C-alpha atoms as a PDB file:
ATOM      1  CA  SER A   1    -214.147-257.457-130.952  1.00  0.00           C
ATOM      2  CA  LEU A   2    -211.238-259.806-131.293  1.00  0.00           C
ATOM      3  CA  LEU A   3    -209.012-257.571-129.207  1.00  0.00           C
ATOM      4  CA  LEU A   4    -211.450-257.447-126.302  1.00  0.00           C
ATOM      5  CA  GLY A   5    -212.038-261.166-126.686  1.00  0.00           C
ATOM      6  CA  GLY A   6    -208.398-261.854-125.894  1.00  0.00           C
ATOM      7  CA  LYS A   7    -207.329-262.565-129.469  1.00  0.00           C
ATOM      8  CA  PRO A   8    -204.898-259.739-130.239  1.00  0.00           C
ATOM      9  CA  ASP A   9    -203.031-261.567-133.013  1.00  0.00           C
ATOM     10  CA  GLU A  10    -206.301-262.258-134.813  1.00  0.00           C
ATOM     11  CA  ALA A  11    -207.348-258.618-134.376  1.00  0.00           C
ATOM     12  CA  VAL A  12    -204.080-257.412-135.914  1.00  0.00           C
ATOM     13  CA  ALA A  13    -204.345-259.901-138.784  1.00  0.00           C
ATOM     14  CA  ALA A  14    -207.929-258.875-139.575  1.00  0.00           C
ATOM     15  CA  LEU A  15    -207.118-255.158-139.489  1.00  0.00           C
ATOM     16  CA  ARG A  16    -203.905-255.654-141.501  1.00  0.00           C
ATOM     17  CA  LYS A  17    -205.920-257.465-144.175  1.00  0.00           C
ATOM     18  CA  LEU A  18    -208.464-254.641-144.219  1.00  0.00           C
ATOM     19  CA  ALA A  19    -205.792-251.917-144.328  1.00  0.00           C
ATOM     20  CA  ASP A  20    -203.994-253.689-147.189  1.00  0.00           C
ATOM     21  CA  GLN A  21    -207.043-253.615-149.460  1.00  0.00           C
ATOM     22  CA  PRO A  22    -206.705-251.332-152.509  1.00  0.00           C
ATOM     23  CA  ASN A  23    -209.885-249.493-151.479  1.00  0.00           C
ATOM     24  CA  ALA A  24    -208.877-249.148-147.805  1.00  0.00           C
ATOM     25  CA  ARG A  25    -209.690-245.895-146.053  1.00  0.00           C
ATOM     26  CA  LEU A  26    -207.485-243.942-143.712  1.00  0.00           C
ATOM     27  CA  GLY A  27    -209.718-245.103-140.864  1.00  0.00           C
ATOM     28  CA  ASP A  28    -208.720-248.698-141.581  1.00  0.00           C
ATOM     29  CA  VAL A  29    -205.024-247.846-141.255  1.00  0.00           C
ATOM     30  CA  VAL A  30    -205.694-245.783-138.110  1.00  0.00           C
ATOM     31  CA  ALA A  31    -207.607-248.685-136.566  1.00  0.00           C
ATOM     32  CA  LEU A  32    -204.628-250.965-137.180  1.00  0.00           C
ATOM     33  CA  ALA A  33    -202.238-248.418-135.669  1.00  0.00           C
ATOM     34  CA  SER A  34    -204.518-247.988-132.665  1.00  0.00           C
ATOM     35  CA  VAL A  35    -204.567-251.725-131.976  1.00  0.00           C
ATOM     36  CA  TYR A  36    -200.799-251.862-132.250  1.00  0.00           C
ATOM     37  CA  GLY A  37    -200.622-249.009-129.754  1.00  0.00           C
ATOM     38  CA  ALA A  38    -203.036-250.719-127.371  1.00  0.00           C
ATOM     39  CA  LEU A  39    -200.825-253.798-127.481  1.00  0.00           C
ATOM     40  CA  GLY A  40    -197.722-251.762-126.667  1.00  0.00           C
ATOM     41  CA  ARG A  41    -196.288-252.322-130.132  1.00  0.00           C
ATOM     42  CA  THR A  42    -195.282-248.689-130.548  1.00  0.00           C
ATOM     43  CA  ALA A  43    -192.875-249.218-133.458  1.00  0.00           C
ATOM     44  CA  ASP A  44    -195.603-251.026-135.397  1.00  0.00           C
ATOM     45  CA  ALA A  45    -198.114-248.317-134.515  1.00  0.00           C
ATOM     46  CA  GLU A  46    -195.781-245.585-135.763  1.00  0.00           C
ATOM     47  CA  ALA A  47    -195.112-247.562-138.957  1.00  0.00           C
ATOM     48  CA  ALA A  48    -198.855-247.872-139.574  1.00  0.00           C
ATOM     49  CA  TYR A  49    -199.383-244.140-139.003  1.00  0.00           C
ATOM     50  CA  ARG A  50    -196.512-243.443-141.444  1.00  0.00           C
ATOM     51  CA  GLU A  51    -198.216-245.763-143.901  1.00  0.00           C
ATOM     52  CA  GLY A  52    -201.354-243.650-143.529  1.00  0.00           C
ATOM     53  CA  VAL A  53    -199.424-240.498-144.437  1.00  0.00           C
ATOM     54  CA  LYS A  54    -197.821-242.237-147.418  1.00  0.00           C
ATOM     55  CA  ARG A  55    -201.086-243.662-148.743  1.00  0.00           C
ATOM     56  CA  PHE A  56    -203.250-240.618-147.968  1.00  0.00           C
ATOM     57  CA  PRO A  57    -200.872-237.663-148.445  1.00  0.00           C
ATOM     58  CA  LYS A  58    -203.701-235.177-149.034  1.00  0.00           C
ATOM     59  CA  ASP A  59    -205.555-236.010-145.818  1.00  0.00           C
ATOM     60  CA  PRO A  60    -204.430-233.788-142.925  1.00  0.00           C
ATOM     61  CA  THR A  61    -205.879-236.289-140.454  1.00  0.00           C
ATOM     62  CA  ALA A  62    -203.136-238.754-141.388  1.00  0.00           C
ATOM     63  CA  TYR A  63    -200.527-236.184-140.332  1.00  0.00           C
ATOM     64  CA  LEU A  64    -202.398-235.400-137.135  1.00  0.00           C
ATOM     65  CA  ARG A  65    -202.448-239.064-136.134  1.00  0.00           C
ATOM     66  CA  LEU A  66    -198.757-239.576-136.868  1.00  0.00           C
ATOM     67  CA  GLY A  67    -197.796-236.310-135.189  1.00  0.00           C
ATOM     68  CA  SER A  68    -199.802-237.181-132.097  1.00  0.00           C
ATOM     69  CA  SER A  69    -198.150-240.582-131.895  1.00  0.00           C
ATOM     70  CA  LEU A  70    -194.695-239.045-132.186  1.00  0.00           C
ATOM     71  CA  ALA A  71    -195.492-236.484-129.478  1.00  0.00           C
ATOM     72  CA  VAL A  72    -196.727-239.177-127.092  1.00  0.00           C
ATOM     73  CA  HIS A  73    -193.380-240.902-127.522  1.00  0.00           C
ATOM     74  CA  ARG A  74    -191.516-237.633-126.898  1.00  0.00           C
ATOM     75  CA  ASP A  75    -190.290-237.119-130.457  1.00  0.00           C
ATOM     76  CA  TYR A  76    -191.350-233.497-130.307  1.00  0.00           C
ATOM     77  CA  ALA A  77    -189.269-232.304-133.257  1.00  0.00           C
ATOM     78  CA  GLY A  78    -190.644-235.082-135.450  1.00  0.00           C
ATOM     79  CA  ALA A  79    -194.176-234.392-134.247  1.00  0.00           C
ATOM     80  CA  LEU A  80    -193.861-230.685-134.963  1.00  0.00           C
ATOM     81  CA  GLY A  81    -192.590-231.324-138.483  1.00  0.00           C
ATOM     82  CA  VAL A  82    -195.380-233.767-139.299  1.00  0.00           C
ATOM     83  CA  LEU A  83    -198.064-231.526-137.801  1.00  0.00           C
ATOM     84  CA  GLN A  84    -196.770-228.561-139.806  1.00  0.00           C
ATOM     85  CA  GLN A  85    -197.043-230.644-142.980  1.00  0.00           C
ATOM     86  CA  GLY A  86    -200.628-231.522-142.096  1.00  0.00           C
ATOM     87  CA  LEU A  87    -201.519-227.902-141.376  1.00  0.00           C
ATOM     88  CA  ALA A  88    -200.051-226.858-144.722  1.00  0.00           C
ATOM     89  CA  ILE A  89    -202.583-229.007-146.574  1.00  0.00           C
ATOM     90  CA  ALA A  90    -205.557-228.484-144.247  1.00  0.00           C
ATOM     91  CA  PRO A  91    -208.415-226.639-145.915  1.00  0.00           C
ATOM     92  CA  LEU A  92    -209.264-223.220-144.530  1.00  0.00           C
ATOM     93  CA  PRO A  93    -212.845-222.346-143.577  1.00  0.00           C
ATOM     94  CA  MET A  94    -214.993-220.949-146.403  1.00  0.00           C
ATOM     95  CA  ASP A  95    -215.583-217.616-144.605  1.00  0.00           C
ATOM     96  CA  GLY A  96    -211.947-216.629-145.099  1.00  0.00           C
ATOM     97  CA  SER A  97    -211.032-216.959-141.424  1.00  0.00           C
ATOM     98  CA  THR A  98    -207.870-218.757-140.460  1.00  0.00           C
ATOM     99  CA  ALA A  99    -209.084-220.627-137.370  1.00  0.00           C
ATOM    100  CA  PRO A 100    -211.653-223.415-137.275  1.00  0.00           C
ATOM    101  CA  GLU A 101    -214.948-222.520-135.632  1.00  0.00           C
ATOM    102  CA  ALA A 102    -214.294-224.947-132.797  1.00  0.00           C
ATOM    103  CA  ALA A 103    -211.130-223.078-131.845  1.00  0.00           C
ATOM    104  CA  ARG A 104    -212.878-219.736-131.411  1.00  0.00           C
ATOM    105  CA  PRO A 105    -214.233-218.737-128.007  1.00  0.00           C
ATOM    106  CA  VAL A 106    -217.971-218.947-127.641  1.00  0.00           C
ATOM    107  CA  VAL A 107    -219.590-215.827-126.201  1.00  0.00           C
ATOM    108  CA  ARG A 108    -223.152-216.103-124.998  1.00  0.00           C
ATOM    109  CA  ALA A 109    -225.543-213.233-124.322  1.00  0.00           C
ATOM    110  CA  SER A 110    -225.592-214.155-120.627  1.00  0.00           C
ATOM    111  CA  GLN A 111    -221.818-213.581-120.323  1.00  0.00           C
ATOM    112  CA  PRO A 112    -220.629-210.104-119.298  1.00  0.00           C
END
């Protein structure tokens, strides 16, 4: 990796080029934002996460990433708003429940 190899500017340039492609995926934009974050370029990271929301407005993961970034930087009101937007478009499970399976407690036969 260019970042681990001590070439952060080249890493950013390569990921920016990838994220700017017309067929880019959200993961490409997230990777760019993550590198910005690792380099301490928080404003650039937030801008990239916002770009992800703008380019992929139907993907709740984009909102989760931006909301998480805002929360880390103590913009709790902004984070809450973005996360609520993401939850509003998140698909519900097919069984009609309102919580994802991973959020439910697991009860095993060996538990009292």
